[in-house]
Amino acid sequence: MNRYYCNFIILAMLSIMFSTTINAQKKSDPYKPKWVTHKLPESKSGTYIFISSYGEGTSLDAARQKALANLSSRLEIERGLKVSSVLSSKMKETFSSYEDDNDYTETTEIDMVVEEHGKELNIVCRVVDEYWEKERKGYKVYVLYTVADKNFHGGSYNDKITVTSKYGANGLLSIIPGAGQFYKGANFKGTAIITAEVIAIAGILLCEETRSSYKKKMIEQPKHAADYNSRMNTWETARNICIGAATTVYVVNLIDALCTKGAKRVKVENKSKNISLRPFTDMNSIGFALTF
């Protein structure tokens, strides 16, 4: 193992870690959202439910319409609701409120008239997030909805629902190389990092064992000491390069886990229940008031 070979390993692994996916333009996001690959988020206030739906179509709009149709089917099968064929649905104005470069709140809403045990209900379906992939024959789309009884809850939710691709301090999981990337849904990158680290550590062990072997031979066979010393130095250099590679990969792993975006996830916060501490005064006293 020489210096050029070790440098090649370092460059190859770093290029894998920082390479952008070739099919990036064929996806709405680099990674599938957590609500697609893991369980759905849960309501905090209990005034609605989360439902995901899937659709395919020759165009993105057609795939979205199919996902909406599949949502209706799921409501009928899983919730026992019968979607009215007279007034199926109507789309409201769509806009997104961006809190920063990563977090946003989607406010697309769809009104549906349904029947439950012969009673007509008006429910509102809110589009929380969407993920799509482009294929040769069209698109496939995943949509996350919230569904609420508009008659009972007025269509308003007490929870703040935010979609984010930030993970903050959870990136410190990459104290174990690759763990932070796997947690964030970047499985390919996590695999590349742990593979690079294993190769570098294996190189360290191999080079050190070979270096020690030549050192031992140099003592045992003094007449070949000069040759063995030269080979020992070569493997010592290779070992040091592998140590540098392992350190570089580990540092890059930590920086990547802490700073880069991951798979989108949904944060749910109950706005109606909170505790606040504020100054309080009246004619007889001064202090602080604790409010729930």
Protein backbone atom coordinates (compact mmCIF):
# COMPACT_ATOMS: atom_id res chain seq x y z
CA MET A 1 0.00 0.00 0.00
CA ASN A 2 1.61 3.27 -1.08
CA ARG A 3 0.79 6.92 -0.59
CA TYR A 4 -0.93 7.29 -3.95
CA TYR A 5 -3.25 4.39 -3.23
CA CYS A 6 -4.19 5.81 0.19
CA ASN A 7 -4.83 9.24 -1.33
CA PHE A 8 -7.04 7.59 -3.94
CA ILE A 9 -9.11 5.95 -1.18
CA ILE A 10 -9.52 9.29 0.62
CA LEU A 11 -10.59 11.16 -2.52
CA ALA A 12 -12.96 8.39 -3.57
CA MET A 13 -14.70 8.25 -0.20
CA LEU A 14 -14.97 12.03 0.12
CA SER A 15 -16.42 12.27 -3.39
CA ILE A 16 -19.04 9.68 -2.45
CA MET A 17 -19.98 11.57 0.71
CA PHE A 18 -20.34 14.92 -1.01
CA SER A 19 -21.76 13.72 -4.31
CA THR A 20 -25.27 14.83 -5.14
CA THR A 21 -27.66 12.18 -6.26
CA ILE A 22 -27.71 11.80 -10.03
CA ASN A 23 -31.49 11.60 -9.98
CA ALA A 24 -31.92 14.66 -7.73
CA GLN A 25 -34.08 16.40 -10.35
CA LYS A 26 -36.35 13.37 -10.45
CA LYS A 27 -37.38 13.80 -6.82
CA SER A 28 -38.99 16.61 -4.88
CA ASP A 29 -36.45 16.04 -2.06
CA PRO A 30 -33.15 14.15 -1.79
CA TYR A 31 -34.59 11.78 0.84
CA LYS A 32 -38.02 10.32 1.48
CA PRO A 33 -39.71 12.12 4.39
CA LYS A 34 -39.89 10.42 7.77
CA TRP A 35 -43.68 10.21 7.52
CA VAL A 36 -43.25 8.04 4.40
CA THR A 37 -40.55 5.71 5.74
CA HIS A 38 -41.63 5.66 9.41
CA LYS A 39 -44.89 6.05 11.29
CA LEU A 40 -47.18 9.04 10.85
CA PRO A 41 -47.03 11.97 13.28
CA GLU A 42 -49.70 12.18 15.96
CA SER A 43 -52.17 14.91 16.86
CA LYS A 44 -51.49 16.68 20.15
CA SER A 45 -54.89 18.31 20.57
CA GLY A 46 -56.97 15.35 19.35
CA THR A 47 -59.10 17.54 17.04
CA TYR A 48 -57.91 15.80 13.85
CA ILE A 49 -56.07 12.76 12.52
CA PHE A 50 -53.11 12.28 10.16
CA ILE A 51 -53.60 10.20 7.00
CA SER A 52 -51.13 9.60 4.17
CA SER A 53 -52.13 8.75 0.61
CA TYR A 54 -50.33 7.57 -2.51
CA GLY A 55 -51.05 8.20 -6.17
CA GLU A 56 -49.56 7.59 -9.60
CA GLY A 57 -50.20 9.44 -12.87
CA THR A 58 -48.76 10.49 -16.21
CA SER A 59 -48.33 14.01 -14.80
CA LEU A 60 -47.74 15.40 -11.32
CA ASP A 61 -51.25 16.87 -11.18
CA ALA A 62 -52.74 13.54 -12.23
CA ALA A 63 -50.78 11.76 -9.50
CA ARG A 64 -52.03 14.29 -6.94
CA GLN A 65 -55.63 13.77 -8.05
CA LYS A 66 -55.13 10.02 -7.71
CA ALA A 67 -53.75 10.50 -4.21
CA LEU A 68 -56.84 12.56 -3.36
CA ALA A 69 -59.10 9.83 -4.75
CA ASN A 70 -57.20 7.24 -2.70
CA LEU A 71 -57.68 9.45 0.37
CA SER A 72 -61.44 9.30 -0.20
CA SER A 73 -61.24 5.51 -0.47
CA ARG A 74 -59.23 5.28 2.75
CA LEU A 75 -61.75 7.45 4.58
CA GLU A 76 -64.53 5.15 3.40
CA ILE A 77 -62.72 1.90 4.23
CA GLU A 78 -60.84 2.84 7.42
CA ARG A 79 -63.23 5.42 8.92
CA GLY A 80 -66.57 4.17 7.63
CA LEU A 81 -67.33 7.49 5.90
CA LYS A 82 -69.12 7.72 2.58
CA VAL A 83 -67.86 10.54 0.42
CA SER A 84 -70.75 12.31 -1.33
CA SER A 85 -70.73 11.97 -5.10
CA VAL A 86 -72.72 15.23 -5.46
CA LEU A 87 -70.18 17.55 -3.83
CA SER A 88 -66.98 15.56 -3.78
CA SER A 89 -64.41 18.21 -3.03
CA LYS A 90 -63.26 21.72 -3.76
CA MET A 91 -59.74 23.09 -3.60
CA LYS A 92 -59.01 26.27 -1.71
CA GLU A 93 -56.21 28.74 -2.40
CA THR A 94 -52.77 27.30 -1.70
CA PHE A 95 -49.85 29.08 -0.09
CA SER A 96 -46.92 28.24 2.12
CA SER A 97 -45.60 30.21 5.08
CA TYR A 98 -41.82 29.79 5.27
CA GLU A 99 -40.31 30.30 8.70
CA ASP A 100 -36.72 29.95 7.43
CA ASP A 101 -34.80 28.07 4.75
CA ASN A 102 -35.85 24.69 6.10
CA ASP A 103 -39.10 24.95 8.06
CA TYR A 104 -42.46 25.67 6.50
CA THR A 105 -46.16 25.27 7.13
CA GLU A 106 -48.43 24.13 4.28
CA THR A 107 -51.99 25.46 4.29
CA THR A 108 -53.69 23.80 1.31
CA GLU A 109 -57.19 22.70 2.36
CA ILE A 110 -59.83 20.50 0.71
CA ASP A 111 -63.46 20.49 1.84
CA MET A 112 -65.44 17.25 1.56
CA VAL A 113 -69.07 16.39 2.27
CA VAL A 114 -69.36 12.87 3.70
CA GLU A 115 -71.96 10.69 5.36
CA GLU A 116 -71.49 8.81 8.62
CA HIS A 117 -74.31 6.49 9.65
CA GLY A 118 -76.68 8.45 7.44
CA LYS A 119 -75.64 11.80 8.92
CA GLU A 120 -74.06 14.40 6.65
CA LEU A 121 -70.76 15.83 7.81
CA ASN A 122 -68.47 18.50 6.43
CA ILE A 123 -64.80 17.56 6.88
CA VAL A 124 -61.71 19.52 5.96
CA CYS A 125 -58.54 17.82 4.72
CA ARG A 126 -55.36 19.83 5.06
CA VAL A 127 -52.28 19.04 2.95
CA VAL A 128 -49.33 19.04 5.36
CA ASP A 129 -46.55 17.80 3.09
CA GLU A 130 -45.88 16.14 -0.26
CA TYR A 131 -43.13 14.02 -1.75
CA TRP A 132 -42.96 12.95 -5.40
CA GLU A 133 -40.69 10.96 -7.68
CA LYS A 134 -40.53 11.14 -11.47
CA GLU A 135 -40.34 7.88 -13.38
CA ARG A 136 -40.12 7.00 -17.04
CA LYS A 137 -43.89 6.55 -17.38
CA GLY A 138 -44.99 9.36 -15.09
CA TYR A 139 -45.02 10.39 -11.44
CA LYS A 140 -45.73 8.82 -8.10
CA VAL A 141 -46.64 11.08 -5.22
CA TYR A 142 -47.07 10.69 -1.47
CA VAL A 143 -49.26 13.24 0.33
CA LEU A 144 -49.70 13.73 4.08
CA TYR A 145 -53.09 15.07 5.15
CA THR A 146 -54.79 16.04 8.35
CA VAL A 147 -58.53 15.34 8.50
CA ALA A 148 -60.92 17.15 10.87
CA ASP A 149 -64.68 17.34 11.36
CA LYS A 150 -65.44 20.91 10.31
CA ASN A 151 -68.91 20.88 11.85
CA PHE A 152 -67.57 20.02 15.29
CA HIS A 153 -64.16 21.67 15.35
CA GLY A 154 -64.81 24.50 12.93
CA GLY A 155 -61.97 23.30 10.74
CA SER A 156 -59.42 24.94 13.04
CA TYR A 157 -56.55 23.07 14.62
CA ASN A 158 -55.11 23.80 18.00
CA ASP A 159 -51.72 22.39 16.99
CA LYS A 160 -48.86 24.08 15.20
CA ILE A 161 -47.77 21.68 12.45
CA THR A 162 -44.37 22.41 10.92
CA VAL A 163 -42.35 20.51 8.32
CA THR A 164 -38.60 20.69 8.86
CA SER A 165 -35.43 19.10 7.52
CA LYS A 166 -33.29 20.26 10.47
CA TYR A 167 -32.20 17.90 13.23
CA GLY A 168 -29.99 20.13 15.39
CA ALA A 169 -28.19 18.41 18.25
CA ASN A 170 -29.43 14.99 17.11
CA GLY A 171 -26.55 15.11 14.63
CA LEU A 172 -24.28 14.34 17.60
CA LEU A 173 -25.38 10.74 17.13
CA SER A 174 -22.54 10.68 14.60
CA ILE A 175 -20.11 10.24 17.46
CA ILE A 176 -20.61 6.77 15.98
CA PRO A 177 -19.64 7.34 12.31
CA GLY A 178 -22.67 7.31 10.03
CA ALA A 179 -25.24 7.09 12.83
CA GLY A 180 -26.35 10.71 12.45
CA GLN A 181 -26.76 10.28 8.69
CA PHE A 182 -28.86 7.14 9.12
CA TYR A 183 -31.02 8.94 11.70
CA LYS A 184 -31.59 11.80 9.25
CA GLY A 185 -32.59 9.40 6.48
CA ALA A 186 -29.38 9.84 4.44
CA ASN A 187 -28.75 6.09 4.24
CA PHE A 188 -26.42 6.19 1.22
CA LYS A 189 -24.26 8.85 2.83
CA GLY A 190 -24.24 7.00 6.14
CA THR A 191 -23.15 3.80 4.40
CA ALA A 192 -20.36 5.66 2.57
CA ILE A 193 -19.09 7.22 5.81
CA ILE A 194 -19.03 4.02 7.84
CA THR A 195 -17.43 2.15 4.90
CA ALA A 196 -14.73 4.81 4.55
CA GLU A 197 -14.03 4.71 8.29
CA VAL A 198 -13.80 0.91 8.35
CA ILE A 199 -11.43 0.88 5.35
CA ALA A 200 -9.23 3.56 6.95
CA ILE A 201 -9.08 1.73 10.30
CA ALA A 202 -8.34 -1.56 8.54
CA GLY A 203 -5.54 0.21 6.68
CA ILE A 204 -4.10 1.49 9.96
CA LEU A 205 -4.06 -2.01 11.46
CA LEU A 206 -2.59 -3.60 8.34
CA CYS A 207 0.15 -0.99 7.94
CA GLU A 208 1.08 -1.08 11.60
CA GLU A 209 1.27 -4.87 11.65
CA THR A 210 3.47 -4.89 8.55
CA ARG A 211 5.68 -2.08 9.90
CA SER A 212 6.17 -3.98 13.18
CA SER A 213 7.04 -7.12 11.21
CA TYR A 214 9.81 -5.35 9.28
CA LYS A 215 11.09 -3.77 12.47
CA LYS A 216 11.38 -7.21 14.04
CA LYS A 217 13.16 -8.57 10.97
CA MET A 218 15.58 -5.63 11.04
CA ILE A 219 16.65 -6.67 14.55
CA GLU A 220 16.76 -10.39 13.76
CA GLN A 221 18.63 -10.04 10.45
CA PRO A 222 21.16 -7.18 10.80
CA LYS A 223 22.70 -7.80 7.37
CA HIS A 224 19.39 -6.77 5.72
CA ALA A 225 18.72 -3.97 8.19
CA ALA A 226 18.94 -1.18 5.60
CA ASP A 227 16.37 -2.84 3.29
CA TYR A 228 14.01 -3.66 6.13
CA ASN A 229 14.35 -0.17 7.55
CA SER A 230 13.35 1.32 4.19
CA ARG A 231 10.29 -0.92 3.98
CA MET A 232 9.39 -0.18 7.60
CA ASN A 233 9.46 3.56 6.86
CA THR A 234 7.24 3.06 3.81
CA TRP A 235 4.59 1.23 5.81
CA GLU A 236 4.89 3.74 8.64
CA THR A 237 4.10 6.52 6.14
CA ALA A 238 1.15 4.51 4.81
CA ARG A 239 -0.10 4.02 8.38
CA ASN A 240 0.09 7.76 9.07
CA ILE A 241 -1.84 8.49 5.87
CA CYS A 242 -4.55 6.04 6.94
CA ILE A 243 -4.69 7.71 10.37
CA GLY A 244 -5.16 11.04 8.61
CA ALA A 245 -7.86 9.53 6.39
CA ALA A 246 -9.74 8.07 9.39
CA THR A 247 -9.54 11.41 11.22
CA THR A 248 -10.69 13.36 8.16
CA VAL A 249 -13.65 11.06 7.54
CA TYR A 250 -14.66 11.27 11.22
CA VAL A 251 -14.51 15.07 11.31
CA VAL A 252 -16.39 15.36 8.02
CA ASN A 253 -18.95 12.92 9.43
CA LEU A 254 -19.58 15.14 12.46
CA ILE A 255 -19.79 18.36 10.43
CA ASP A 256 -22.14 16.78 7.91
CA ALA A 257 -24.41 15.32 10.60
CA LEU A 258 -24.68 18.65 12.42
CA CYS A 259 -24.96 21.05 9.48
CA THR A 260 -26.66 19.41 6.50
CA LYS A 261 -30.35 18.81 5.92
CA GLY A 262 -31.96 15.43 6.40
CA ALA A 263 -35.23 13.81 5.46
CA LYS A 264 -38.22 16.06 6.14
CA ARG A 265 -40.09 15.38 9.36
CA VAL A 266 -43.24 16.82 10.87
CA LYS A 267 -43.19 18.63 14.22
CA VAL A 268 -46.50 18.93 16.08
CA GLU A 269 -46.86 21.43 18.94
CA ASN A 270 -50.01 22.07 20.91
CA LYS A 271 -50.64 25.82 20.86
CA SER A 272 -53.58 25.71 23.26
CA LYS A 273 -51.63 24.28 26.20
CA ASN A 274 -48.60 26.11 27.47
CA ILE A 275 -47.12 27.49 30.66
CA SER A 276 -46.00 31.10 30.93
CA LEU A 277 -44.40 33.15 33.69
CA ARG A 278 -45.04 36.88 33.56
CA PRO A 279 -44.75 39.90 35.90
CA PHE A 280 -47.91 40.67 37.88
CA THR A 281 -48.95 43.78 39.82
CA ASP A 282 -52.09 45.04 41.51
CA MET A 283 -52.89 47.63 44.18
CA ASN A 284 -51.70 45.37 47.00
CA SER A 285 -48.88 43.25 45.60
CA ILE A 286 -46.06 42.83 43.08
CA GLY A 287 -44.78 39.47 41.81
CA PHE A 288 -44.98 36.87 39.06
CA ALA A 289 -47.98 34.98 37.73
CA LEU A 290 -47.70 31.36 36.50
CA THR A 291 -50.30 30.71 33.81
CA PHE A 292 -51.29 27.35 32.29
